[in-house]
Amino acid sequence: MHNKINSELALFEAFITENPSSQLFMPLAETYLELNRAPDAITVIERALPFHPQHIGARLLLASLYQKQQKPQEALPHLRRAALILAEQGQVFAELAAFIPQHAEALQELAAKLKQALPVLGGVTQDYENLNPAQLKGVLNKLESLRKAASLRYSLQPVAIRRQSAN
């Protein structure tokens, strides 16, 4: 079984090496993490980010891995970029709220949460050299909670639609 996993992993690695712009880099990085191969996960994500610069999940995972390695200076550029991406998305949620009345309340709530986070995130983008590990962890937690809030809002919508069509 161990040999089968290694041979499948080798195929996966070869595919990503030949196709560095593939979206499959995240499953490979997550597989490395499951195998306690964090340095390999970091390498895969770093190689893929030039092809996927807006991938918040990859940036957050990479920042988290660097934080676990006690390398906050390597984590900070990814946190800064994630903060900027989230700031851009905050406006998207506000605009969507204006066009989708049936979801306006949920989207406005999410936009408000993003706006609340921006002062904290702004500190990361402007004064990141003075961040201590506890502050960096706080920023990581804030970004993760925002990501989960956005995921939850979108994952609940199909369930509600299925329930309506079943009745």
Protein backbone atom coordinates (compact mmCIF):
# COMPACT_ATOMS: atom_id res chain seq x y z
CA MET A 1 0.00 0.00 0.00
CA HIS A 2 2.84 2.38 0.90
CA ASN A 3 4.46 1.75 -2.51
CA LYS A 4 1.16 2.44 -4.26
CA ILE A 5 0.80 5.78 -2.46
CA ASN A 6 4.38 6.70 -3.34
CA SER A 7 3.91 5.81 -7.00
CA GLU A 8 0.65 7.79 -7.19
CA LEU A 9 2.32 10.72 -5.47
CA ALA A 10 5.21 10.54 -7.95
CA LEU A 11 2.72 10.76 -10.84
CA PHE A 12 1.03 13.72 -9.17
CA GLU A 13 4.40 15.44 -8.65
CA ALA A 14 5.41 14.83 -12.26
CA PHE A 15 2.13 16.27 -13.52
CA ILE A 16 2.54 19.44 -11.44
CA THR A 17 6.18 19.78 -12.53
CA GLU A 18 5.14 19.58 -16.18
CA ASN A 19 2.06 21.78 -15.64
CA PRO A 20 3.09 24.44 -13.13
CA SER A 21 -0.02 26.53 -13.83
CA SER A 22 -2.37 23.68 -12.91
CA GLN A 23 -4.99 24.27 -10.22
CA LEU A 24 -3.99 20.89 -8.75
CA PHE A 25 -1.11 22.45 -6.84
CA MET A 26 -3.26 22.87 -3.71
CA PRO A 27 -4.30 19.20 -3.46
CA LEU A 28 -0.62 18.27 -3.87
CA ALA A 29 0.41 20.73 -1.15
CA GLU A 30 -2.32 19.38 1.15
CA THR A 31 -1.15 15.83 0.44
CA TYR A 32 2.37 16.83 1.42
CA LEU A 33 1.04 18.27 4.66
CA GLU A 34 -0.81 15.03 5.43
CA LEU A 35 2.52 13.25 4.92
CA ASN A 36 4.30 15.72 7.23
CA ARG A 37 6.24 17.19 4.32
CA ALA A 38 5.68 20.89 4.97
CA PRO A 39 8.82 22.04 3.09
CA ASP A 40 7.53 20.30 -0.05
CA ALA A 41 4.12 21.93 0.42
CA ILE A 42 5.80 25.32 0.66
CA THR A 43 7.80 24.69 -2.51
CA VAL A 44 4.71 23.64 -4.49
CA ILE A 45 2.73 26.70 -3.39
CA GLU A 46 5.62 29.11 -4.02
CA ARG A 47 6.05 27.72 -7.55
CA ALA A 48 2.31 27.99 -8.29
CA LEU A 49 1.66 31.50 -6.94
CA PRO A 50 3.07 33.31 -10.00
CA PHE A 51 0.37 31.52 -12.01
CA HIS A 52 -2.34 32.06 -9.34
CA PRO A 53 -1.48 35.37 -7.64
CA GLN A 54 -5.06 35.94 -6.42
CA HIS A 55 -5.39 32.53 -4.70
CA ILE A 56 -6.16 33.57 -1.12
CA GLY A 57 -6.27 30.00 0.19
CA ALA A 58 -2.76 29.33 -1.08
CA ARG A 59 -1.45 32.56 0.41
CA LEU A 60 -3.05 31.86 3.78
CA LEU A 61 -1.75 28.30 3.87
CA LEU A 62 1.73 29.47 2.92
CA ALA A 63 1.67 32.21 5.56
CA SER A 64 0.50 29.69 8.14
CA LEU A 65 3.29 27.27 7.23
CA TYR A 66 5.89 30.01 7.50
CA GLN A 67 4.43 31.07 10.84
CA LYS A 68 4.73 27.48 12.12
CA GLN A 69 8.38 27.56 11.05
CA GLN A 70 8.89 30.80 13.01
CA LYS A 71 9.47 32.76 9.77
CA PRO A 72 7.10 35.73 10.06
CA GLN A 73 9.03 37.82 7.51
CA GLU A 74 8.32 35.18 4.86
CA ALA A 75 4.65 35.03 5.92
CA LEU A 76 4.03 38.78 5.82
CA PRO A 77 4.14 39.38 2.04
CA HIS A 78 1.50 36.69 1.58
CA LEU A 79 -0.66 38.17 4.34
CA ARG A 80 -0.31 41.61 2.77
CA ARG A 81 -1.36 40.29 -0.63
CA ALA A 82 -4.30 38.36 0.87
CA ALA A 83 -5.37 41.54 2.69
CA LEU A 84 -5.33 43.52 -0.55
CA ILE A 85 -7.29 40.82 -2.36
CA LEU A 86 -9.86 40.74 0.46
CA ALA A 87 -10.13 44.54 0.40
CA GLU A 88 -10.94 44.37 -3.31
CA GLN A 89 -13.50 41.66 -2.66
CA GLY A 90 -15.16 43.71 0.06
CA GLN A 91 -16.33 46.14 -2.60
CA VAL A 92 -17.56 43.23 -4.72
CA PHE A 93 -19.77 42.02 -1.85
CA ALA A 94 -21.19 45.51 -1.36
CA GLU A 95 -21.96 45.82 -5.08
CA LEU A 96 -23.58 42.37 -5.17
CA ALA A 97 -25.79 43.35 -2.24
CA ALA A 98 -27.23 46.16 -4.33
CA PHE A 99 -28.12 43.79 -7.19
CA ILE A 100 -29.33 40.75 -5.28
CA PRO A 101 -32.07 41.88 -2.90
CA GLN A 102 -32.89 38.40 -1.63
CA HIS A 103 -29.29 38.00 -0.39
CA ALA A 104 -28.60 41.63 0.44
CA GLU A 105 -28.63 41.19 4.21
CA ALA A 106 -26.12 38.32 4.22
CA LEU A 107 -23.83 40.05 1.73
CA GLN A 108 -23.97 43.37 3.60
CA GLU A 109 -23.08 41.51 6.80
CA LEU A 110 -20.08 39.96 5.07
CA ALA A 111 -19.04 43.32 3.60
CA ALA A 112 -19.28 44.85 7.09
CA LYS A 113 -17.05 42.10 8.50
CA LEU A 114 -14.50 42.76 5.77
CA LYS A 115 -14.58 46.50 6.52
CA GLN A 116 -14.07 45.75 10.23
CA ALA A 117 -11.04 43.65 9.39
CA LEU A 118 -9.44 46.21 7.10
CA PRO A 119 -7.97 48.39 9.89
CA VAL A 120 -6.27 45.28 11.29
CA LEU A 121 -5.18 44.19 7.84
CA GLY A 122 -4.09 47.73 6.98
CA GLY A 123 -1.64 47.51 9.86
CA VAL A 124 -0.13 44.46 8.22
CA THR A 125 0.27 46.24 4.90
CA GLN A 126 1.73 49.41 6.37
CA ASP A 127 3.69 48.38 9.46
CA TYR A 128 4.47 44.69 9.02
CA GLU A 129 8.05 44.92 10.27
CA ASN A 130 6.81 45.66 13.80
CA LEU A 131 4.45 42.70 14.01
CA ASN A 132 5.20 40.20 16.72
CA PRO A 133 4.19 36.51 16.43
CA ALA A 134 1.02 37.04 18.49
CA GLN A 135 -0.12 39.88 16.22
CA LEU A 136 0.69 37.84 13.13
CA LYS A 137 -1.36 34.95 14.50
CA GLY A 138 -4.23 37.37 15.13
CA VAL A 139 -4.12 38.55 11.53
CA LEU A 140 -4.01 34.95 10.30
CA ASN A 141 -7.03 34.10 12.45
CA LYS A 142 -8.94 37.16 11.21
CA LEU A 143 -8.23 36.27 7.57
CA GLU A 144 -9.21 32.66 8.16
CA SER A 145 -12.50 33.68 9.81
CA LEU A 146 -13.26 35.95 6.84
CA ARG A 147 -12.50 33.15 4.40
CA LYS A 148 -14.78 30.79 6.34
CA ALA A 149 -17.55 33.39 6.49
CA ALA A 150 -17.39 33.84 2.72
CA SER A 151 -17.34 30.07 2.16
CA LEU A 152 -20.25 29.51 4.53
CA ARG A 153 -22.43 32.13 2.81
CA TYR A 154 -21.89 30.52 -0.58
CA SER A 155 -22.18 26.92 0.63
CA LEU A 156 -25.55 27.62 2.28
CA GLN A 157 -27.13 29.09 -0.84
CA PRO A 158 -27.40 25.81 -2.83
CA VAL A 159 -28.89 24.04 0.20
CA ALA A 160 -31.62 26.66 0.49
CA ILE A 161 -32.36 26.44 -3.23
CA ARG A 162 -32.59 22.62 -3.04
CA ARG A 163 -34.98 22.86 -0.11
CA GLN A 164 -37.23 25.29 -1.97
CA SER A 165 -37.38 23.10 -5.08
CA ALA A 166 -38.12 19.98 -2.98
CA ASN A 167 -41.26 21.64 -1.51
